[in-house]
Amino acid sequence: MRPVFALFALSSAIAAVHPVVPGDSRRGAKVFESQQCIRCHSVNGRGGKMGLDLGRSVSRSYTPARLASTMWNHAPTMWGAIDAGGIKMPRLAPKDAADLFAYFYSTRFFDSPGDVARGKTTFSSAHCSQCHGINDSRAEGAIPVAKWESLGDPILLVQQMWNHSYRMKMAFARQKLEWQQLTSEQLNDILTYLRTLPETQHLVSRFANASGDAGHRIFEQKGCVNCHVGKLALENRLHNMTLTDIAVDMWNHAPRMAQQVPTLTPDEMRQLLSFLWMRQFVAAEGDLAEGKRVFVARRCNECHYGGTNGAPQLPGQARRYSEVSVISAIWGHGPQMLNRMKQAGIPWPQFANPQELVNLIAYLNSIQ
């Protein structure tokens, strides 16, 4: 499939208030080359071999926070390699970082690796193939796999699985088949299998997210708010989920709904997922007290609380931080920061784990 994606990265760690900032993976692919990231890193085998291949799916725990914290911890080493290789130091504005992050997501960097053989087996055992042929329809209204545009658009996949779940529920009942509950691994395997078929190679892959400004209105109008309150509220439950996870949850949820599910247009689903998911995925909620502890323990306060050693004041500046803005900071002024820290005798701070970064971001965003 040809990669034509668009993703929108986050400007805030407070999901209910602050909008999503646009990021476009098509621009991100250009940034990846123009900033010479490709000299060390590859994407699906194309590029340098010194660093991680950013097109290969990695472990399930590789979240945006892990990406940003890992990049931060290894930044001095990367800068040394860049300098030794005679490569111009990359400079990333916040918009560039958002585009680059979008590009990483578009390569399915945060999805677990799927298994083609298992996917083929599950596609049959879950009765998908009884109605959906690869090139032909085997039941009324069943679209052949070769025409599934959703294979290239994960948000469209969520929308299609949700909209068609009630009709498929009725079809299962007519054939006296049990509703097929899926796991994220199973759906990921199915998608991996279907995306490798010769018949689907013509489908254009893309990812387009929205601002999410209309998401709350859609959440209310479609009746989601009637159930998703209290313990079922979604505000803080989606931050470690991929769109594949969400597609599975919505699919498995459909049989529990007594009436036909409210249908969503592609744009409505994009707005809804931007509002509910993207803000949490890129900037998860953290522990404020722990974030303050990290701010002091990593000696950030020695320069960034009062603006000493030429460093800007961080807390209380009405700025909003996220994993994406951390990536921008690393490449925007990280090398200068390292030099000043050396002069002041302060070691480069290391995050013990991704959650420390999440907590630090939450703390900085709490002081306005």
Protein backbone atom coordinates (compact mmCIF):
# COMPACT_ATOMS: atom_id res chain seq x y z
CA MET A 1 0.00 0.00 0.00
CA ARG A 2 1.17 3.53 -0.69
CA PRO A 3 1.53 5.61 2.47
CA VAL A 4 -0.60 8.75 2.36
CA PHE A 5 -1.46 9.49 5.97
CA ALA A 6 -2.43 12.40 8.19
CA LEU A 7 -2.37 12.52 11.95
CA PHE A 8 -3.04 15.27 14.43
CA ALA A 9 -0.76 15.56 17.44
CA LEU A 10 -1.68 17.02 20.77
CA SER A 11 -0.85 20.35 22.33
CA SER A 12 -2.23 19.60 25.78
CA ALA A 13 -2.22 17.05 28.54
CA ILE A 14 -5.70 18.12 29.65
CA ALA A 15 -7.98 16.32 27.22
CA ALA A 16 -11.27 17.93 28.10
CA VAL A 17 -10.10 21.49 27.48
CA HIS A 18 -7.39 21.87 24.89
CA PRO A 19 -7.67 21.13 21.16
CA VAL A 20 -5.59 18.81 19.03
CA VAL A 21 -2.91 20.50 16.93
CA PRO A 22 -2.74 19.26 13.31
CA GLY A 23 0.12 17.03 12.24
CA ASP A 24 0.39 15.47 8.80
CA SER A 25 2.38 12.31 8.20
CA ARG A 26 2.95 13.23 4.57
CA ARG A 27 4.83 16.29 5.76
CA GLY A 28 6.37 14.11 8.47
CA ALA A 29 7.87 11.82 5.84
CA LYS A 30 9.51 14.85 4.23
CA VAL A 31 10.78 16.06 7.62
CA PHE A 32 12.23 12.60 8.24
CA GLU A 33 14.32 12.98 5.08
CA SER A 34 15.05 16.71 5.08
CA GLN A 35 16.28 16.61 8.70
CA GLN A 36 18.42 13.59 7.76
CA CYS A 37 16.84 11.24 10.30
CA ILE A 38 16.98 8.73 7.47
CA ARG A 39 20.79 8.71 7.65
CA CYS A 40 20.63 6.66 10.86
CA HIS A 41 17.05 5.34 11.00
CA SER A 42 15.09 3.38 8.43
CA VAL A 43 11.38 2.94 7.78
CA ASN A 44 10.41 -0.55 6.62
CA GLY A 45 14.00 -1.26 5.64
CA ARG A 46 14.60 1.99 3.73
CA GLY A 47 17.26 4.19 5.29
CA GLY A 48 20.16 3.94 7.73
CA LYS A 49 20.88 0.92 9.88
CA MET A 50 22.45 2.52 12.96
CA GLY A 51 19.16 3.24 14.71
CA LEU A 52 15.79 1.58 15.17
CA ASP A 53 13.66 0.83 12.11
CA LEU A 54 10.67 3.07 12.76
CA GLY A 55 8.42 1.15 10.39
CA ARG A 56 8.67 -2.09 12.35
CA SER A 57 6.01 -2.71 14.95
CA VAL A 58 7.52 -3.02 18.39
CA SER A 59 6.37 -4.28 21.77
CA ARG A 60 2.91 -3.47 23.07
CA SER A 61 4.41 -1.24 25.74
CA TYR A 62 5.95 1.15 23.20
CA THR A 63 3.70 4.14 23.83
CA PRO A 64 4.20 7.78 22.83
CA ALA A 65 5.58 8.41 26.33
CA ARG A 66 8.13 5.64 25.89
CA LEU A 67 9.17 7.01 22.50
CA ALA A 68 9.65 10.54 23.88
CA SER A 69 11.42 9.42 27.08
CA THR A 70 13.71 7.05 25.17
CA MET A 71 14.57 9.79 22.70
CA TRP A 72 15.27 12.17 25.60
CA ASN A 73 17.50 9.70 27.46
CA HIS A 74 19.55 8.89 24.37
CA ALA A 75 19.66 12.43 22.99
CA PRO A 76 23.31 13.19 23.96
CA THR A 77 24.43 9.92 22.36
CA MET A 78 22.48 10.71 19.20
CA TRP A 79 23.93 14.22 19.05
CA GLY A 80 27.43 12.76 19.38
CA ALA A 81 26.80 10.35 16.51
CA ILE A 82 25.34 13.14 14.38
CA ASP A 83 28.36 15.35 15.03
CA ALA A 84 30.80 12.51 14.35
CA GLY A 85 29.05 11.72 11.09
CA GLY A 86 29.23 15.29 9.87
CA ILE A 87 25.44 15.50 9.72
CA LYS A 88 23.69 18.82 10.16
CA MET A 89 21.90 18.89 13.51
CA PRO A 90 18.12 18.50 13.04
CA ARG A 91 15.92 21.38 14.17
CA LEU A 92 12.28 20.60 14.85
CA ALA A 93 9.67 23.27 15.43
CA PRO A 94 6.55 22.08 17.28
CA LYS A 95 4.75 21.68 13.96
CA ASP A 96 7.61 19.55 12.62
CA ALA A 97 7.50 17.36 15.72
CA ALA A 98 3.75 16.89 15.29
CA ASP A 99 4.24 15.94 11.65
CA LEU A 100 7.08 13.57 12.50
CA PHE A 101 5.07 11.95 15.26
CA ALA A 102 2.22 11.53 12.77
CA TYR A 103 4.61 9.81 10.40
CA PHE A 104 5.69 7.38 13.11
CA TYR A 105 2.06 6.55 13.85
CA SER A 106 1.29 6.12 10.16
CA THR A 107 3.91 3.35 9.93
CA ARG A 108 1.91 1.51 12.63
CA PHE A 109 4.89 1.94 14.94
CA PHE A 110 2.68 1.68 18.02
CA ASP A 111 0.74 -1.43 16.96
CA SER A 112 1.81 -4.92 17.94
CA PRO A 113 3.17 -7.06 15.09
CA GLY A 114 0.46 -9.13 13.41
CA ASP A 115 0.76 -12.70 12.17
CA VAL A 116 -0.40 -13.44 8.62
CA ALA A 117 -1.00 -17.16 9.15
CA ARG A 118 -3.00 -16.62 12.32
CA GLY A 119 -4.94 -13.84 10.62
CA LYS A 120 -5.94 -16.08 7.74
CA THR A 121 -7.10 -18.75 10.18
CA THR A 122 -9.09 -16.31 12.32
CA PHE A 123 -10.70 -14.70 9.26
CA SER A 124 -12.18 -18.11 8.53
CA SER A 125 -12.87 -19.39 12.06
CA ALA A 126 -14.63 -16.15 13.06
CA HIS A 127 -16.93 -16.67 10.04
CA CYS A 128 -15.80 -13.46 8.30
CA SER A 129 -15.11 -15.36 5.08
CA GLN A 130 -18.65 -16.79 4.97
CA CYS A 131 -19.96 -13.40 3.87
CA HIS A 132 -16.89 -11.47 2.76
CA GLY A 133 -15.03 -13.03 -0.13
CA ILE A 134 -11.76 -11.53 -1.26
CA ASN A 135 -13.13 -10.48 -4.65
CA ASP A 136 -16.79 -11.38 -4.31
CA SER A 137 -19.73 -10.86 -1.98
CA ARG A 138 -21.03 -14.07 -0.44
CA ALA A 139 -24.03 -12.52 1.32
CA GLU A 140 -26.39 -9.64 0.65
CA GLY A 141 -24.73 -6.32 1.46
CA ALA A 142 -21.36 -7.91 2.30
CA ILE A 143 -18.57 -5.90 0.66
CA PRO A 144 -15.66 -7.90 -0.82
CA VAL A 145 -12.34 -7.46 0.99
CA ALA A 146 -10.72 -6.02 -2.14
CA LYS A 147 -13.00 -2.98 -1.75
CA TRP A 148 -12.38 -2.39 1.95
CA GLU A 149 -10.96 1.13 1.98
CA SER A 150 -10.87 0.80 5.76
CA LEU A 151 -7.82 -1.47 5.44
CA GLY A 152 -5.81 1.67 4.74
CA ASP A 153 -7.54 4.00 7.20
CA PRO A 154 -7.73 2.91 10.85
CA ILE A 155 -10.36 5.49 11.78
CA LEU A 156 -12.52 4.38 8.86
CA LEU A 157 -12.02 0.82 10.11
CA VAL A 158 -13.46 1.75 13.52
CA GLN A 159 -16.36 3.56 11.84
CA GLN A 160 -17.19 0.69 9.49
CA MET A 161 -17.01 -2.00 12.17
CA TRP A 162 -19.26 0.07 14.44
CA ASN A 163 -21.82 1.02 11.79
CA HIS A 164 -22.17 -2.50 10.40
CA SER A 165 -22.12 -4.34 13.73
CA TYR A 166 -25.91 -4.33 14.19
CA ARG A 167 -26.57 -5.61 10.67
CA MET A 168 -23.96 -8.32 11.13
CA LYS A 169 -25.48 -9.19 14.49
CA MET A 170 -28.77 -9.85 12.68
CA ALA A 171 -26.99 -11.87 10.00
CA PHE A 172 -25.30 -14.01 12.64
CA ALA A 173 -28.67 -14.61 14.32
CA ARG A 174 -30.30 -15.68 11.03
CA GLN A 175 -27.53 -18.22 10.51
CA LYS A 176 -27.74 -19.27 14.18
CA LEU A 177 -24.13 -18.33 14.79
CA GLU A 178 -22.80 -16.88 18.01
CA TRP A 179 -21.47 -13.32 17.91
CA GLN A 180 -17.73 -13.48 17.41
CA GLN A 181 -15.88 -11.67 20.20
CA LEU A 182 -12.43 -10.55 19.08
CA THR A 183 -9.21 -9.68 20.85
CA SER A 184 -6.91 -6.91 19.67
CA GLU A 185 -4.35 -9.52 18.70
CA GLN A 186 -6.88 -11.37 16.57
CA LEU A 187 -8.03 -8.26 14.73
CA ASN A 188 -4.44 -7.16 14.23
CA ASP A 189 -3.65 -10.58 12.75
CA ILE A 190 -6.69 -10.38 10.45
CA LEU A 191 -5.72 -6.91 9.24
CA THR A 192 -2.11 -7.96 8.69
CA TYR A 193 -3.28 -10.92 6.61
CA LEU A 194 -5.72 -8.88 4.52
CA ARG A 195 -3.20 -6.08 3.91
CA THR A 196 -0.73 -8.56 2.43
CA LEU A 197 -3.17 -9.89 -0.19
CA PRO A 198 -2.39 -8.99 -3.81
CA GLU A 199 -6.03 -7.92 -4.20
CA THR A 200 -5.66 -5.15 -1.58
CA GLN A 201 -2.40 -3.58 -2.75
CA HIS A 202 -4.28 -0.99 -4.80
CA LEU A 203 -5.88 0.48 -1.68
CA VAL A 204 -4.37 3.79 -0.62
CA SER A 205 -3.31 3.93 3.01
CA ARG A 206 -4.09 7.15 4.83
CA PHE A 207 -4.70 8.47 8.32
CA ALA A 208 -6.63 11.69 8.82
CA ASN A 209 -7.58 12.98 12.22
CA ALA A 210 -9.59 16.07 13.14
CA SER A 211 -9.41 18.82 15.72
CA GLY A 212 -11.89 17.08 17.98
CA ASP A 213 -13.70 20.36 18.66
CA ALA A 214 -17.03 18.81 17.63
CA GLY A 215 -16.37 15.54 19.45
CA HIS A 216 -18.18 16.42 22.67
CA ARG A 217 -21.31 17.48 20.77
CA ILE A 218 -21.31 14.21 18.81
CA PHE A 219 -20.74 12.26 22.02
CA GLU A 220 -23.93 13.79 23.42
CA GLN A 221 -26.05 13.74 20.26
CA LYS A 222 -25.37 10.07 19.57
CA GLY A 223 -26.34 9.13 23.11
CA CYS A 224 -22.89 7.88 24.16
CA VAL A 225 -23.02 10.17 27.19
CA ASN A 226 -26.07 8.34 28.56
CA CYS A 227 -24.00 5.27 29.40
CA HIS A 228 -20.40 6.44 29.55
CA VAL A 229 -20.52 8.24 32.88
CA GLY A 230 -19.11 7.41 36.30
CA LYS A 231 -17.18 4.14 36.23
CA LEU A 232 -17.87 3.84 32.49
CA ALA A 233 -16.54 7.32 31.67
CA LEU A 234 -13.96 7.30 28.87
CA GLU A 235 -11.92 10.38 29.80
CA ASN A 236 -8.95 8.47 31.22
CA ARG A 237 -9.42 4.95 29.87
CA LEU A 238 -8.02 5.20 26.34
CA HIS A 239 -4.50 6.58 26.77
CA ASN A 240 -2.69 3.25 26.24
CA MET A 241 -4.96 2.00 23.47
CA THR A 242 -4.39 1.97 19.73
CA LEU A 243 -7.18 2.36 17.20
CA THR A 244 -7.14 -1.40 16.72
CA ASP A 245 -7.91 -1.80 20.42
CA ILE A 246 -10.77 0.68 20.15
CA ALA A 247 -12.19 -1.04 17.06
CA VAL A 248 -12.26 -4.33 18.98
CA ASP A 249 -13.89 -2.77 22.04
CA MET A 250 -16.62 -1.15 19.96
CA TRP A 251 -17.20 -4.39 18.04
CA ASN A 252 -17.46 -6.46 21.21
CA HIS A 253 -19.71 -3.82 22.77
CA ALA A 254 -22.33 -3.93 19.99
CA PRO A 255 -24.26 -7.08 21.09
CA ARG A 256 -24.88 -5.53 24.51
CA MET A 257 -26.84 -2.71 22.93
CA ALA A 258 -30.57 -3.47 22.81
CA GLN A 259 -31.26 -1.20 19.84
CA GLN A 260 -29.47 -0.49 16.60
CA VAL A 261 -26.26 1.38 17.26
CA PRO A 262 -26.20 5.06 16.28
CA THR A 263 -24.43 5.36 12.95
CA LEU A 264 -21.48 7.69 12.51
CA THR A 265 -20.13 9.30 9.35
CA PRO A 266 -16.36 9.12 8.77
CA ASP A 267 -16.01 12.77 9.80
CA GLU A 268 -18.08 12.23 12.95
CA MET A 269 -15.91 9.27 13.92
CA ARG A 270 -12.75 11.30 13.31
CA GLN A 271 -14.05 14.10 15.51
CA LEU A 272 -15.19 11.67 18.19
CA LEU A 273 -11.92 9.75 18.29
CA SER A 274 -9.90 12.97 18.31
CA PHE A 275 -11.94 14.16 21.27
CA LEU A 276 -11.93 10.88 23.20
CA TRP A 277 -8.75 9.07 22.16
CA MET A 278 -6.05 11.13 20.47
CA ARG A 279 -5.69 13.60 23.32
CA GLN A 280 -5.21 10.77 25.78
CA PHE A 281 -2.94 8.73 23.49
CA VAL A 282 -0.40 11.52 23.00
CA ALA A 283 -0.67 13.08 26.46
CA ALA A 284 -1.80 10.71 29.18
CA GLU A 285 -2.86 11.84 32.62
CA GLY A 286 -0.09 11.82 35.21
CA ASP A 287 0.45 12.17 38.94
CA LEU A 288 1.06 15.82 39.88
CA ALA A 289 2.91 15.10 43.12
CA GLU A 290 5.18 12.60 41.38
CA GLY A 291 5.71 15.06 38.55
CA LYS A 292 6.87 17.72 41.00
CA ARG A 293 9.22 15.17 42.57
CA VAL A 294 10.72 14.38 39.15
CA PHE A 295 11.09 18.12 38.43
CA VAL A 296 13.23 18.47 41.56
CA ALA A 297 14.99 15.08 41.54
CA ARG A 298 16.18 15.51 37.95
CA ARG A 299 17.32 19.04 38.86
CA CYS A 300 15.06 20.67 36.27
CA ASN A 301 14.12 23.24 38.91
CA GLU A 302 17.70 24.51 39.18
CA CYS A 303 17.42 26.15 35.75
CA HIS A 304 13.75 26.13 34.78
CA TYR A 305 12.29 27.54 37.97
CA GLY A 306 13.48 31.10 37.89
CA GLY A 307 15.13 31.02 34.48
CA THR A 308 18.78 30.61 35.53
CA ASN A 309 21.68 29.51 33.30
CA GLY A 310 19.85 30.98 30.30
CA ALA A 311 16.97 28.51 30.62
CA PRO A 312 13.34 29.56 30.14
CA GLN A 313 10.86 29.41 33.00
CA LEU A 314 8.72 26.31 32.51
CA PRO A 315 5.90 26.20 35.09
CA GLY A 316 3.35 28.98 35.13
CA GLN A 317 3.83 30.25 31.58
CA ALA A 318 0.40 29.26 30.23
CA ARG A 319 2.09 26.73 27.94
CA ARG A 320 0.80 23.24 27.33
CA TYR A 321 3.16 20.31 27.07
CA SER A 322 2.83 16.81 25.64
CA GLU A 323 5.09 14.01 24.47
CA VAL A 324 5.14 15.73 21.08
CA SER A 325 6.33 19.04 22.54
CA VAL A 326 9.08 17.17 24.39
CA ILE A 327 10.33 15.79 21.08
CA SER A 328 10.30 19.32 19.68
CA ALA A 329 12.27 20.58 22.69
CA ILE A 330 14.91 17.86 22.27
CA TRP A 331 15.70 18.87 18.72
CA GLY A 332 14.79 22.54 18.98
CA HIS A 333 17.25 23.56 21.67
CA GLY A 334 18.50 20.34 23.28
CA PRO A 335 22.16 20.63 22.20
CA GLN A 336 22.39 24.18 23.59
CA MET A 337 20.76 22.96 26.79
CA LEU A 338 23.35 20.17 27.11
CA ASN A 339 26.23 22.64 26.72
CA ARG A 340 24.83 24.94 29.39
CA MET A 341 24.29 22.02 31.74
CA LYS A 342 27.90 20.92 31.29
CA GLN A 343 29.05 24.44 32.13
CA ALA A 344 26.88 24.41 35.26
CA GLY A 345 28.05 20.92 36.26
CA ILE A 346 24.57 19.42 35.95
CA PRO A 347 24.22 15.93 34.41
CA TRP A 348 21.76 15.31 31.60
CA PRO A 349 18.51 14.16 33.27
CA GLN A 350 17.41 10.58 32.68
CA PHE A 351 13.85 9.31 33.00
CA ALA A 352 13.74 6.02 34.91
CA ASN A 353 10.60 5.03 33.01
CA PRO A 354 8.03 6.59 30.65
CA GLN A 355 5.62 7.30 33.50
CA GLU A 356 8.09 9.78 34.98
CA LEU A 357 7.81 11.85 31.81
CA VAL A 358 4.01 11.59 31.90
CA ASN A 359 3.99 12.78 35.51
CA LEU A 360 6.37 15.64 34.76
CA ILE A 361 4.19 16.84 31.89
CA ALA A 362 1.12 16.69 34.11
CA TYR A 363 2.89 18.76 36.78
CA LEU A 364 4.04 21.42 34.31
CA ASN A 365 0.55 21.68 32.83
CA SER A 366 -1.03 22.00 36.27
CA ILE A 367 0.79 25.26 37.08
CA GLN A 368 -0.58 28.04 34.90
